[in-house]
PDB file of N, CA and C in Angstrom:
ATOM      1  N   UNK A   1    -109.686 217.433 -22.364  1.00  0.00           N
ATOM      2  CA  UNK A   1    -110.004 217.712 -20.845  1.00  0.00           C
ATOM      3  C   UNK A   1    -108.562 217.968 -20.542  1.00  0.00           C
ATOM      4  N   UNK A   2    -108.454 216.840 -20.624  1.00  0.00           N
ATOM      5  CA  UNK A   2    -107.038 216.360 -19.308  1.00  0.00           C
ATOM      6  C   UNK A   2    -105.728 217.018 -19.391  1.00  0.00           C
ATOM      7  N   UNK A   3    -105.772 216.841 -21.103  1.00  0.00           N
ATOM      8  CA  UNK A   3    -104.449 217.492 -21.933  1.00  0.00           C
ATOM      9  C   UNK A   3    -104.384 219.337 -21.314  1.00  0.00           C
ATOM     10  N   UNK A   4    -105.366 219.501 -21.432  1.00  0.00           N
ATOM     11  CA  UNK A   4    -105.156 220.921 -20.737  1.00  0.00           C
ATOM     12  C   UNK A   4    -104.570 221.114 -19.418  1.00  0.00           C
ATOM     13  N   UNK A   5    -105.447 219.939 -18.229  1.00  0.00           N
ATOM     14  CA  UNK A   5    -105.278 220.500 -16.830  1.00  0.00           C
ATOM     15  C   UNK A   5    -103.605 219.554 -16.713  1.00  0.00           C
ATOM     16  N   UNK A   6    -103.676 218.070 -17.275  1.00  0.00           N
ATOM     17  CA  UNK A   6    -101.846 217.872 -16.703  1.00  0.00           C
ATOM     18  C   UNK A   6    -101.096 217.926 -17.932  1.00  0.00           C
ATOM     19  N   UNK A   7    -101.373 218.472 -18.532  1.00  0.00           N
ATOM     20  CA  UNK A   7    -100.299 218.881 -19.820  1.00  0.00           C
ATOM     21  C   UNK A   7     -99.937 218.324 -20.947  1.00  0.00           C
ATOM     22  N   UNK A   8     -99.213 218.539 -21.530  1.00  0.00           N
ATOM     23  CA  UNK A   8     -99.496 217.479 -22.733  1.00  0.00           C
ATOM     24  C   UNK A   8     -98.088 216.283 -22.574  1.00  0.00           C
ATOM     25  N   UNK A   9     -98.588 215.313 -21.587  1.00  0.00           N
ATOM     26  CA  UNK A   9     -97.731 214.121 -22.005  1.00  0.00           C
ATOM     27  C   UNK A   9     -98.519 213.073 -21.956  1.00  0.00           C
ATOM     28  N   UNK A  10     -98.234 212.282 -23.112  1.00  0.00           N
ATOM     29  CA  UNK A  10     -99.187 210.812 -23.884  1.00  0.00           C
ATOM     30  C   UNK A  10     -99.071 210.057 -22.572  1.00  0.00           C
ATOM     31  N   UNK A  11     -98.021 209.907 -21.742  1.00  0.00           N
ATOM     32  CA  UNK A  11     -97.528 208.861 -21.033  1.00  0.00           C
ATOM     33  C   UNK A  11     -98.767 209.077 -19.545  1.00  0.00           C
ATOM     34  N   UNK A  12     -98.979 210.055 -19.607  1.00  0.00           N
ATOM     35  CA  UNK A  12     -99.378 210.515 -18.206  1.00  0.00           C
ATOM     36  C   UNK A  12    -100.940 209.958 -18.293  1.00  0.00           C
ATOM     37  N   UNK A  13    -101.415 210.386 -19.789  1.00  0.00           N
ATOM     38  CA  UNK A  13    -102.914 210.223 -19.881  1.00  0.00           C
ATOM     39  C   UNK A  13    -102.829 208.881 -19.968  1.00  0.00           C
ATOM     40  N   UNK A  14    -101.680 208.007 -20.338  1.00  0.00           N
ATOM     41  CA  UNK A  14    -102.349 206.559 -21.029  1.00  0.00           C
ATOM     42  C   UNK A  14    -102.268 205.863 -19.940  1.00  0.00           C
ATOM     43  N   UNK A  15    -101.497 206.547 -18.836  1.00  0.00           N
ATOM     44  CA  UNK A  15    -101.726 205.840 -17.261  1.00  0.00           C
ATOM     45  C   UNK A  15    -103.150 205.945 -17.008  1.00  0.00           C
ATOM     46  N   UNK A  16    -103.563 207.179 -17.005  1.00  0.00           N
ATOM     47  CA  UNK A  16    -105.117 207.838 -16.120  1.00  0.00           C
ATOM     48  C   UNK A  16    -106.136 206.309 -16.883  1.00  0.00           C
ATOM     49  N   UNK A  17    -106.013 207.370 -18.151  1.00  0.00           N
ATOM     50  CA  UNK A  17    -106.769 206.253 -19.058  1.00  0.00           C
ATOM     51  C   UNK A  17    -106.774 204.690 -18.359  1.00  0.00           C
ATOM     52  N   UNK A  18    -105.724 203.987 -18.378  1.00  0.00           N
ATOM     53  CA  UNK A  18    -105.556 202.846 -17.782  1.00  0.00           C
ATOM     54  C   UNK A  18    -106.121 202.396 -16.474  1.00  0.00           C
ATOM     55  N   UNK A  19    -105.479 203.405 -15.766  1.00  0.00           N
ATOM     56  CA  UNK A  19    -106.109 202.951 -14.287  1.00  0.00           C
ATOM     57  C   UNK A  19    -107.476 203.466 -14.226  1.00  0.00           C
ATOM     58  N   UNK A  20    -108.501 203.929 -15.137  1.00  0.00           N
ATOM     59  CA  UNK A  20    -109.399 204.818 -15.100  1.00  0.00           C
ATOM     60  C   UNK A  20    -110.559 203.495 -15.649  1.00  0.00           C
ATOM     61  N   UNK A  21    -109.814 202.065 -16.651  1.00  0.00           N
ATOM     62  CA  UNK A  21    -110.413 201.028 -17.438  1.00  0.00           C
ATOM     63  C   UNK A  21    -110.923 200.316 -16.037  1.00  0.00           C
ATOM     64  N   UNK A  22    -109.618 200.277 -15.141  1.00  0.00           N
ATOM     65  CA  UNK A  22    -109.109 199.358 -13.685  1.00  0.00           C
ATOM     66  C   UNK A  22    -110.118 199.537 -12.594  1.00  0.00           C
ATOM     67  N   UNK A  23    -110.342 200.328 -12.441  1.00  0.00           N
ATOM     68  CA  UNK A  23    -111.575 200.784 -11.112  1.00  0.00           C
ATOM     69  C   UNK A  23    -113.480 200.961 -11.745  1.00  0.00           C
ATOM     70  N   UNK A  24    -113.829 200.133 -10.809  1.00  0.00           N
ATOM     71  CA  UNK A  24    -115.447 200.366 -11.251  1.00  0.00           C
ATOM     72  C   UNK A  24    -116.527 200.738 -10.555  1.00  0.00           C
ATOM     73  N   UNK A  25    -116.787 201.391 -10.808  1.00  0.00           N
ATOM     74  CA  UNK A  25    -118.111 202.196  -9.675  1.00  0.00           C
ATOM     75  C   UNK A  25    -119.397 200.692  -9.151  1.00  0.00           C
ATOM     76  N   UNK A  26    -119.582 200.935  -8.126  1.00  0.00           N
ATOM     77  CA  UNK A  26    -121.131 199.943  -8.208  1.00  0.00           C
ATOM     78  C   UNK A  26    -121.837 199.349  -8.848  1.00  0.00           C
ATOM     79  N   UNK A  27    -122.667 200.315  -9.562  1.00  0.00           N
ATOM     80  CA  UNK A  27    -123.116 199.826 -10.829  1.00  0.00           C
ATOM     81  C   UNK A  27    -122.383 199.435 -11.685  1.00  0.00           C
ATOM     82  N   UNK A  28    -121.106 199.726 -12.279  1.00  0.00           N
ATOM     83  CA  UNK A  28    -120.548 199.092 -13.375  1.00  0.00           C
ATOM     84  C   UNK A  28    -119.839 197.451 -13.006  1.00  0.00           C
ATOM     85  N   UNK A  29    -119.803 198.146 -11.677  1.00  0.00           N
ATOM     86  CA  UNK A  29    -118.817 195.792 -11.406  1.00  0.00           C
ATOM     87  C   UNK A  29    -119.994 195.209 -11.287  1.00  0.00           C
ATOM     88  N   UNK A  30    -121.621 195.840 -11.074  1.00  0.00           N
ATOM     89  CA  UNK A  30    -123.105 194.735 -10.787  1.00  0.00           C
ATOM     90  C   UNK A  30    -122.851 194.009 -12.796  1.00  0.00           C
ATOM     91  N   UNK A  31    -122.875 195.219 -13.421  1.00  0.00           N
ATOM     92  CA  UNK A  31    -123.464 195.050 -15.134  1.00  0.00           C
ATOM     93  C   UNK A  31    -122.157 193.725 -15.516  1.00  0.00           C
ATOM     94  N   UNK A  32    -121.017 194.097 -14.802  1.00  0.00           N
ATOM     95  CA  UNK A  32    -119.797 193.447 -15.453  1.00  0.00           C
ATOM     96  C   UNK A  32    -119.554 191.895 -14.781  1.00  0.00           C
ATOM     97  N   UNK A  33    -120.900 191.920 -13.596  1.00  0.00           N
ATOM     98  CA  UNK A  33    -120.717 189.977 -12.660  1.00  0.00           C
ATOM     99  C   UNK A  33    -121.682 189.952 -13.229  1.00  0.00           C
ATOM    100  N   UNK A  34    -122.780 190.900 -13.716  1.00  0.00           N
ATOM    101  CA  UNK A  34    -124.553 190.091 -14.438  1.00  0.00           C
ATOM    102  C   UNK A  34    -125.196 190.258 -13.388  1.00  0.00           C
ATOM    103  N   UNK A  35    -124.422 191.060 -11.797  1.00  0.00           N
ATOM    104  CA  UNK A  35    -125.810 190.813 -11.031  1.00  0.00           C
ATOM    105  C   UNK A  35    -126.084 192.417 -10.581  1.00  0.00           C
ATOM    106  N   UNK A  36    -127.140 192.785  -9.788  1.00  0.00           N
ATOM    107  CA  UNK A  36    -127.819 194.074  -9.020  1.00  0.00           C
ATOM    108  C   UNK A  36    -126.405 194.883  -8.823  1.00  0.00           C
ATOM    109  N   UNK A  37    -126.738 196.068  -8.812  1.00  0.00           N
ATOM    110  CA  UNK A  37    -125.511 197.410  -7.620  1.00  0.00           C
ATOM    111  C   UNK A  37    -125.363 196.341  -6.800  1.00  0.00           C
ATOM    112  N   UNK A  38    -126.838 196.554  -5.989  1.00  0.00           N
ATOM    113  CA  UNK A  38    -127.246 196.213  -4.438  1.00  0.00           C
ATOM    114  C   UNK A  38    -127.192 194.841  -3.657  1.00  0.00           C
ATOM    115  N   UNK A  39    -126.576 193.715  -5.049  1.00  0.00           N
ATOM    116  CA  UNK A  39    -125.899 192.212  -4.639  1.00  0.00           C
ATOM    117  C   UNK A  39    -124.193 192.771  -5.105  1.00  0.00           C
ATOM    118  N   UNK A  40    -123.789 194.002  -5.057  1.00  0.00           N
ATOM    119  CA  UNK A  40    -122.395 194.065  -5.383  1.00  0.00           C
ATOM    120  C   UNK A  40    -122.052 194.600  -3.287  1.00  0.00           C
ATOM    121  N   UNK A  41    -123.368 195.353  -3.592  1.00  0.00           N
ATOM    122  CA  UNK A  41    -122.730 196.292  -1.730  1.00  0.00           C
ATOM    123  C   UNK A  41    -123.023 194.766  -1.019  1.00  0.00           C
ATOM    124  N   UNK A  42    -123.976 194.045  -1.574  1.00  0.00           N
ATOM    125  CA  UNK A  42    -124.117 192.859   0.024  1.00  0.00           C
ATOM    126  C   UNK A  42    -122.630 192.395  -0.187  1.00  0.00           C
ATOM    127  N   UNK A  43    -122.446 191.988  -1.297  1.00  0.00           N
ATOM    128  CA  UNK A  43    -120.578 191.204  -1.792  1.00  0.00           C
ATOM    129  C   UNK A  43    -119.598 192.424  -0.755  1.00  0.00           C
ATOM    130  N   UNK A  44    -119.989 193.173  -0.677  1.00  0.00           N
ATOM    131  CA  UNK A  44    -118.838 194.272   0.072  1.00  0.00           C
ATOM    132  C   UNK A  44    -118.594 194.506   1.237  1.00  0.00           C
ATOM    133  N   UNK A  45    -120.211 193.962   1.945  1.00  0.00           N
ATOM    134  CA  UNK A  45    -120.674 194.347   2.849  1.00  0.00           C
ATOM    135  C   UNK A  45    -120.274 192.862   3.798  1.00  0.00           C
ATOM    136  N   UNK A  46    -120.648 191.905   3.534  1.00  0.00           N
ATOM    137  CA  UNK A  46    -119.951 190.715   4.004  1.00  0.00           C
ATOM    138  C   UNK A  46    -118.705 190.423   3.727  1.00  0.00           C
ATOM    139  N   UNK A  47    -118.219 191.400   3.282  1.00  0.00           N
ATOM    140  CA  UNK A  47    -116.236 190.908   2.899  1.00  0.00           C
ATOM    141  C   UNK A  47    -115.716 189.807   1.526  1.00  0.00           C
ATOM    142  N   UNK A  48    -117.230 189.669   0.539  1.00  0.00           N
ATOM    143  CA  UNK A  48    -116.928 188.383  -0.065  1.00  0.00           C
ATOM    144  C   UNK A  48    -115.717 189.036  -1.100  1.00  0.00           C
ATOM    145  N   UNK A  49    -116.058 190.712  -1.191  1.00  0.00           N
ATOM    146  CA  UNK A  49    -115.706 191.356  -2.187  1.00  0.00           C
ATOM    147  C   UNK A  49    -114.878 192.616  -1.944  1.00  0.00           C
ATOM    148  N   UNK A  50    -113.886 192.141  -2.656  1.00  0.00           N
ATOM    149  CA  UNK A  50    -112.858 194.030  -2.276  1.00  0.00           C
ATOM    150  C   UNK A  50    -113.019 194.450  -2.389  1.00  0.00           C
ATOM    151  N   UNK A  51    -112.643 196.292  -1.997  1.00  0.00           N
ATOM    152  CA  UNK A  51    -113.448 197.239  -2.671  1.00  0.00           C
ATOM    153  C   UNK A  51    -112.152 198.732  -2.016  1.00  0.00           C
ATOM    154  N   UNK A  52    -112.294 199.614  -2.369  1.00  0.00           N
ATOM    155  CA  UNK A  52    -111.785 200.343  -2.427  1.00  0.00           C
ATOM    156  C   UNK A  52    -112.529 201.611  -1.953  1.00  0.00           C
ATOM    157  N   UNK A  53    -112.348 202.368  -1.007  1.00  0.00           N
ATOM    158  CA  UNK A  53    -113.206 203.810  -0.398  1.00  0.00           C
ATOM    159  C   UNK A  53    -111.649 204.820  -0.727  1.00  0.00           C
ATOM    160  N   UNK A  54    -112.720 205.502  -1.300  1.00  0.00           N
ATOM    161  CA  UNK A  54    -112.429 207.362  -1.726  1.00  0.00           C
ATOM    162  C   UNK A  54    -113.846 207.457  -1.043  1.00  0.00           C
ATOM    163  N   UNK A  55    -112.988 208.813   0.147  1.00  0.00           N
ATOM    164  CA  UNK A  55    -114.650 209.342   1.239  1.00  0.00           C
ATOM    165  C   UNK A  55    -115.512 208.440   0.461  1.00  0.00           C
ATOM    166  N   UNK A  56    -116.356 208.697   0.018  1.00  0.00           N
ATOM    167  CA  UNK A  56    -117.611 207.875   0.024  1.00  0.00           C
ATOM    168  C   UNK A  56    -117.621 206.909  -0.733  1.00  0.00           C
ATOM    169  N   UNK A  57    -117.135 207.135  -2.036  1.00  0.00           N
ATOM    170  CA  UNK A  57    -117.080 206.339  -3.338  1.00  0.00           C
ATOM    171  C   UNK A  57    -116.495 204.808  -2.647  1.00  0.00           C
ATOM    172  N   UNK A  58    -117.346 203.793  -3.444  1.00  0.00           N
ATOM    173  CA  UNK A  58    -116.898 202.620  -3.795  1.00  0.00           C
ATOM    174  C   UNK A  58    -116.611 202.374  -4.887  1.00  0.00           C
ATOM    175  N   UNK A  59    -115.280 201.864  -5.009  1.00  0.00           N
ATOM    176  CA  UNK A  59    -114.121 201.554  -6.329  1.00  0.00           C
ATOM    177  C   UNK A  59    -114.050 200.599  -5.867  1.00  0.00           C
ATOM    178  N   UNK A  60    -114.663 199.034  -6.951  1.00  0.00           N
ATOM    179  CA  UNK A  60    -113.645 197.611  -7.413  1.00  0.00           C
ATOM    180  C   UNK A  60    -112.774 198.128  -8.671  1.00  0.00           C
ATOM    181  N   UNK A  61    -112.212 197.029  -8.043  1.00  0.00           N
ATOM    182  CA  UNK A  61    -110.736 196.701  -8.944  1.00  0.00           C
ATOM    183  C   UNK A  61    -110.990 195.338 -10.009  1.00  0.00           C
ATOM    184  N   UNK A  62    -110.976 195.296 -11.062  1.00  0.00           N
ATOM    185  CA  UNK A  62    -110.929 195.077 -12.367  1.00  0.00           C
ATOM    186  C   UNK A  62    -110.478 193.600 -11.649  1.00  0.00           C
ATOM    187  N   UNK A  63    -109.284 193.707 -11.249  1.00  0.00           N
ATOM    188  CA  UNK A  63    -108.739 191.984 -11.134  1.00  0.00           C
ATOM    189  C   UNK A  63    -109.019 191.777  -9.613  1.00  0.00           C
ATOM    190  N   UNK A  64    -110.120 192.318  -9.026  1.00  0.00           N
ATOM    191  CA  UNK A  64    -110.501 191.615  -7.657  1.00  0.00           C
ATOM    192  C   UNK A  64    -111.529 190.851  -8.202  1.00  0.00           C
ATOM    193  N   UNK A  65    -112.554 191.992  -9.027  1.00  0.00           N
ATOM    194  CA  UNK A  65    -114.071 191.757  -9.949  1.00  0.00           C
ATOM    195  C   UNK A  65    -113.317 190.039 -10.513  1.00  0.00           C
ATOM    196  N   UNK A  66    -112.378 189.974 -11.461  1.00  0.00           N
ATOM    197  CA  UNK A  66    -112.002 188.515 -11.725  1.00  0.00           C
ATOM    198  C   UNK A  66    -111.453 187.364 -10.940  1.00  0.00           C
ATOM    199  N   UNK A  67    -110.969 187.745 -10.169  1.00  0.00           N
ATOM    200  CA  UNK A  67    -110.446 187.382  -8.603  1.00  0.00           C
ATOM    201  C   UNK A  67    -111.373 186.069  -8.196  1.00  0.00           C
ATOM    202  N   UNK A  68    -112.541 187.365  -7.964  1.00  0.00           N
ATOM    203  CA  UNK A  68    -113.845 186.990  -7.661  1.00  0.00           C
ATOM    204  C   UNK A  68    -114.805 186.059  -8.465  1.00  0.00           C
ATOM    205  N   UNK A  69    -114.431 185.953  -9.911  1.00  0.00           N
ATOM    206  CA  UNK A  69    -115.595 185.032 -10.229  1.00  0.00           C
ATOM    207  C   UNK A  69    -114.318 183.458 -10.178  1.00  0.00           C
ATOM    208  N   UNK A  70    -113.541 184.113 -10.415  1.00  0.00           N
ATOM    209  CA  UNK A  70    -112.435 182.740 -10.578  1.00  0.00           C
ATOM    210  C   UNK A  70    -112.764 181.844  -9.341  1.00  0.00           C
ATOM    211  N   UNK A  71    -112.835 182.202  -8.191  1.00  0.00           N
ATOM    212  CA  UNK A  71    -113.093 181.621  -7.052  1.00  0.00           C
ATOM    213  C   UNK A  71    -114.706 180.539  -6.820  1.00  0.00           C
ATOM    214  N   UNK A  72    -115.534 181.800  -7.047  1.00  0.00           N
ATOM    215  CA  UNK A  72    -116.689 181.377  -7.376  1.00  0.00           C
ATOM    216  C   UNK A  72    -116.989 180.011  -8.751  1.00  0.00           C
ATOM    217  N   UNK A  73    -116.452 179.849  -8.911  1.00  0.00           N
ATOM    218  CA  UNK A  73    -116.495 179.211 -10.500  1.00  0.00           C
ATOM    219  C   UNK A  73    -116.619 177.478 -10.003  1.00  0.00           C
ATOM    220  N   UNK A  74    -117.686 177.000 -10.278  1.00  0.00           N
ATOM    221  CA  UNK A  74    -117.713 175.595 -10.168  1.00  0.00           C
ATOM    222  C   UNK A  74    -117.938 175.175 -11.690  1.00  0.00           C
ATOM    223  N   UNK A  75    -117.025 173.399 -11.363  1.00  0.00           N
ATOM    224  CA  UNK A  75    -117.115 172.644 -12.793  1.00  0.00           C
ATOM    225  C   UNK A  75    -118.424 172.279 -12.695  1.00  0.00           C
ATOM    226  N   UNK A  76    -118.758 171.867 -13.753  1.00  0.00           N
ATOM    227  CA  UNK A  76    -119.556 170.725 -14.488  1.00  0.00           C
ATOM    228  C   UNK A  76    -119.015 170.001 -14.225  1.00  0.00           C
ATOM    229  N   UNK A  77    -120.057 168.567 -13.629  1.00  0.00           N
ATOM    230  CA  UNK A  77    -119.212 167.769 -12.670  1.00  0.00           C
ATOM    231  C   UNK A  77    -120.405 166.379 -14.234  1.00  0.00           C
ATOM    232  N   UNK A  78    -119.763 164.694 -14.325  1.00  0.00           N
ATOM    233  CA  UNK A  78    -119.779 164.819 -15.764  1.00  0.00           C
ATOM    234  C   UNK A  78    -120.291 162.623 -15.461  1.00  0.00           C
TER     235      UNK A  78
END
């Protein structure tokens, strides 16, 4: 379908596919983090999780999700 609407440009299709993998909706972000979609929304509302708004839609960047994990990681004490 993208080939028809965007023309035959393999580089553009690859870029669109890569970007699509980088942006997650709230439910997908919850699966990635191992929490509910509601918890993801609470993290967004508290300002703990950066997000992108596209109209009413909320999208989360994979890099921000990975940064969130790194910031909240605790090392085991010995």
